[in-house]
Amino acid sequence: MKMRGHGSFQMMKPWKIDTKIKKQKSMFVFLDKSIESAFHICLQNITFLTDFYIKINSFSLHCAIIT
């Protein structure tokens, strides 16, 4: 069996594919880190807001008890 289109195969050099994969991996790592930090900031905001909400609720409850 003769290999047809072997010219295109020679164009795709294995080390070029390797660098492509490495670039994609580093991109994924970068995305992963940015998503992680964004999630962390979001989590901090949520905890702050819930804490704030609880404080306001307890304060309004306190005011309701006084009046």
N, C-alpha and C. Protein backbone atom coordinates (compact mmCIF):
# COMPACT_ATOMS: atom_id res chain seq x y z
N MET A 1 0.84 -1.20 0.00
CA MET A 1 0.00 0.00 0.00
C MET A 1 0.88 1.25 0.00
N LYS A 2 0.67 2.07 -0.99
CA LYS A 2 1.45 3.32 -1.09
C LYS A 2 0.80 4.39 -0.23
N MET A 3 1.63 5.21 0.38
CA MET A 3 1.07 6.31 1.18
C MET A 3 0.82 7.51 0.31
N ARG A 4 -0.40 7.91 0.26
CA ARG A 4 -0.75 9.08 -0.55
C ARG A 4 -0.79 10.31 0.35
N GLY A 5 -0.43 11.43 -0.22
CA GLY A 5 -0.45 12.68 0.55
C GLY A 5 0.60 12.70 1.64
N HIS A 6 1.75 12.07 1.37
CA HIS A 6 2.80 12.04 2.38
C HIS A 6 3.46 13.41 2.56
N GLY A 7 3.27 14.29 1.59
CA GLY A 7 3.84 15.64 1.68
C GLY A 7 3.22 16.41 2.83
N SER A 8 1.91 16.28 2.99
CA SER A 8 1.22 16.97 4.08
C SER A 8 1.63 16.38 5.42
N PHE A 9 1.93 15.09 5.40
CA PHE A 9 2.35 14.43 6.63
C PHE A 9 3.71 14.96 7.07
N GLN A 10 4.60 15.20 6.09
CA GLN A 10 5.93 15.73 6.40
C GLN A 10 5.84 17.16 6.93
N MET A 11 4.83 17.89 6.48
CA MET A 11 4.66 19.26 6.94
C MET A 11 4.36 19.31 8.44
N MET A 12 3.58 18.35 8.90
CA MET A 12 3.23 18.30 10.32
C MET A 12 4.37 17.64 11.08
N LYS A 13 5.34 18.42 11.46
CA LYS A 13 6.48 17.88 12.20
C LYS A 13 6.07 17.66 13.65
N PRO A 14 6.48 16.54 14.24
CA PRO A 14 6.03 16.20 15.60
C PRO A 14 6.34 17.27 16.64
N TRP A 15 7.50 17.94 16.52
CA TRP A 15 7.83 18.95 17.54
C TRP A 15 6.95 20.18 17.42
N LYS A 16 6.45 20.44 16.20
CA LYS A 16 5.53 21.56 16.03
C LYS A 16 4.20 21.26 16.72
N ILE A 17 3.77 20.03 16.60
CA ILE A 17 2.53 19.60 17.27
C ILE A 17 2.72 19.71 18.78
N ASP A 18 3.90 19.30 19.24
CA ASP A 18 4.23 19.33 20.66
C ASP A 18 4.13 20.75 21.21
N THR A 19 4.69 21.73 20.50
CA THR A 19 4.62 23.11 20.98
C THR A 19 3.19 23.62 20.97
N LYS A 20 2.41 23.16 19.98
CA LYS A 20 1.00 23.54 19.93
C LYS A 20 0.28 23.06 21.18
N ILE A 21 0.53 21.80 21.53
CA ILE A 21 -0.09 21.21 22.72
C ILE A 21 0.36 21.96 23.98
N LYS A 22 1.65 22.28 24.05
CA LYS A 22 2.19 23.01 25.21
C LYS A 22 1.54 24.38 25.34
N LYS A 23 1.37 25.05 24.19
CA LYS A 23 0.72 26.37 24.20
C LYS A 23 -0.70 26.25 24.71
N GLN A 24 -1.42 25.24 24.22
CA GLN A 24 -2.80 25.03 24.65
C GLN A 24 -2.86 24.74 26.14
N LYS A 25 -1.93 23.92 26.60
CA LYS A 25 -1.90 23.56 28.03
C LYS A 25 -1.69 24.79 28.89
N SER A 26 -0.72 25.63 28.50
CA SER A 26 -0.45 26.84 29.29
C SER A 26 -1.65 27.77 29.26
N MET A 27 -2.35 27.80 28.13
CA MET A 27 -3.54 28.63 28.00
C MET A 27 -4.62 28.11 28.95
N PHE A 28 -4.76 26.79 29.00
CA PHE A 28 -5.75 26.19 29.89
C PHE A 28 -5.41 26.48 31.34
N VAL A 29 -4.12 26.41 31.68
CA VAL A 29 -3.67 26.69 33.04
C VAL A 29 -3.99 28.14 33.39
N PHE A 30 -3.72 29.03 32.42
CA PHE A 30 -4.01 30.46 32.62
C PHE A 30 -5.50 30.67 32.84
N LEU A 31 -6.32 30.03 32.02
CA LEU A 31 -7.77 30.14 32.15
C LEU A 31 -8.22 29.60 33.49
N ASP A 32 -7.64 28.45 33.86
CA ASP A 32 -7.97 27.81 35.12
C ASP A 32 -7.68 28.74 36.28
N LYS A 33 -6.52 29.38 36.25
CA LYS A 33 -6.12 30.29 37.34
C LYS A 33 -7.04 31.51 37.39
N SER A 34 -7.36 32.08 36.22
CA SER A 34 -8.20 33.28 36.21
C SER A 34 -9.62 32.95 36.67
N ILE A 35 -10.12 31.77 36.27
CA ILE A 35 -11.45 31.34 36.71
C ILE A 35 -11.43 31.14 38.23
N GLU A 36 -10.35 30.52 38.70
CA GLU A 36 -10.20 30.26 40.13
C GLU A 36 -10.20 31.56 40.92
N SER A 37 -9.44 32.55 40.46
CA SER A 37 -9.37 33.83 41.18
C SER A 37 -10.70 34.57 41.10
N ALA A 38 -11.35 34.50 39.95
CA ALA A 38 -12.66 35.14 39.79
C ALA A 38 -13.67 34.49 40.74
N PHE A 39 -13.61 33.17 40.82
CA PHE A 39 -14.51 32.43 41.71
C PHE A 39 -14.24 32.80 43.16
N HIS A 40 -12.95 32.95 43.49
CA HIS A 40 -12.55 33.31 44.85
C HIS A 40 -13.08 34.69 45.23
N ILE A 41 -12.95 35.65 44.31
CA ILE A 41 -13.45 37.01 44.54
C ILE A 41 -14.96 36.97 44.72
N CYS A 42 -15.62 36.20 43.86
CA CYS A 42 -17.08 36.04 43.92
C CYS A 42 -17.48 35.47 45.27
N LEU A 43 -16.74 34.46 45.71
CA LEU A 43 -17.01 33.81 46.99
C LEU A 43 -16.84 34.79 48.14
N GLN A 44 -15.79 35.61 48.08
CA GLN A 44 -15.56 36.63 49.11
C GLN A 44 -16.71 37.62 49.16
N ASN A 45 -17.18 38.03 47.98
CA ASN A 45 -18.30 38.97 47.91
C ASN A 45 -19.56 38.36 48.49
N ILE A 46 -19.80 37.09 48.17
CA ILE A 46 -20.99 36.41 48.68
C ILE A 46 -20.94 36.32 50.20
N THR A 47 -19.78 35.94 50.75
CA THR A 47 -19.67 35.83 52.21
C THR A 47 -19.83 37.19 52.87
N PHE A 48 -19.28 38.22 52.23
CA PHE A 48 -19.42 39.58 52.77
C PHE A 48 -20.89 39.99 52.75
N LEU A 49 -21.56 39.74 51.63
CA LEU A 49 -22.97 40.13 51.50
C LEU A 49 -23.86 39.37 52.47
N THR A 50 -23.61 38.07 52.61
CA THR A 50 -24.44 37.30 53.55
C THR A 50 -24.21 37.77 54.98
N ASP A 51 -22.97 38.06 55.31
CA ASP A 51 -22.63 38.57 56.63
C ASP A 51 -23.33 39.91 56.87
N PHE A 52 -23.27 40.77 55.87
CA PHE A 52 -23.91 42.08 55.91
C PHE A 52 -25.43 41.93 56.07
N TYR A 53 -26.00 41.00 55.30
CA TYR A 53 -27.44 40.74 55.32
C TYR A 53 -27.87 40.25 56.70
N ILE A 54 -27.09 39.35 57.27
CA ILE A 54 -27.39 38.81 58.61
C ILE A 54 -27.34 39.93 59.64
N LYS A 55 -26.33 40.81 59.53
CA LYS A 55 -26.20 41.93 60.46
C LYS A 55 -27.39 42.86 60.37
N ILE A 56 -27.82 43.18 59.15
CA ILE A 56 -28.97 44.07 58.94
C ILE A 56 -30.23 43.42 59.49
N ASN A 57 -30.39 42.13 59.22
CA ASN A 57 -31.57 41.41 59.71
C ASN A 57 -31.62 41.40 61.23
N SER A 58 -30.50 41.11 61.85
CA SER A 58 -30.47 41.07 63.31
C SER A 58 -30.69 42.47 63.88
N PHE A 59 -30.20 43.49 63.18
CA PHE A 59 -30.38 44.87 63.61
C PHE A 59 -31.85 45.26 63.51
N SER A 60 -32.49 44.90 62.39
CA SER A 60 -33.91 45.23 62.21
C SER A 60 -34.77 44.46 63.21
N LEU A 61 -34.35 43.24 63.50
CA LEU A 61 -35.05 42.43 64.50
C LEU A 61 -34.91 43.09 65.87
N HIS A 62 -33.73 43.57 66.15
CA HIS A 62 -33.43 44.27 67.40
C HIS A 62 -34.30 45.53 67.52
N CYS A 63 -34.41 46.27 66.41
CA CYS A 63 -35.24 47.48 66.38
C CYS A 63 -36.71 47.13 66.58
N ALA A 64 -37.13 46.03 65.99
CA ALA A 64 -38.53 45.59 66.10
C ALA A 64 -38.85 45.21 67.54
N ILE A 65 -37.89 44.61 68.22
CA ILE A 65 -38.09 44.21 69.62
C ILE A 65 -38.18 45.46 70.50
N ILE A 66 -37.35 46.46 70.22
CA ILE A 66 -37.35 47.70 71.01
C ILE A 66 -38.68 48.43 70.87
N THR A 67 -39.18 48.55 69.63
CA THR A 67 -40.44 49.27 69.38
C THR A 67 -41.62 48.40 69.58
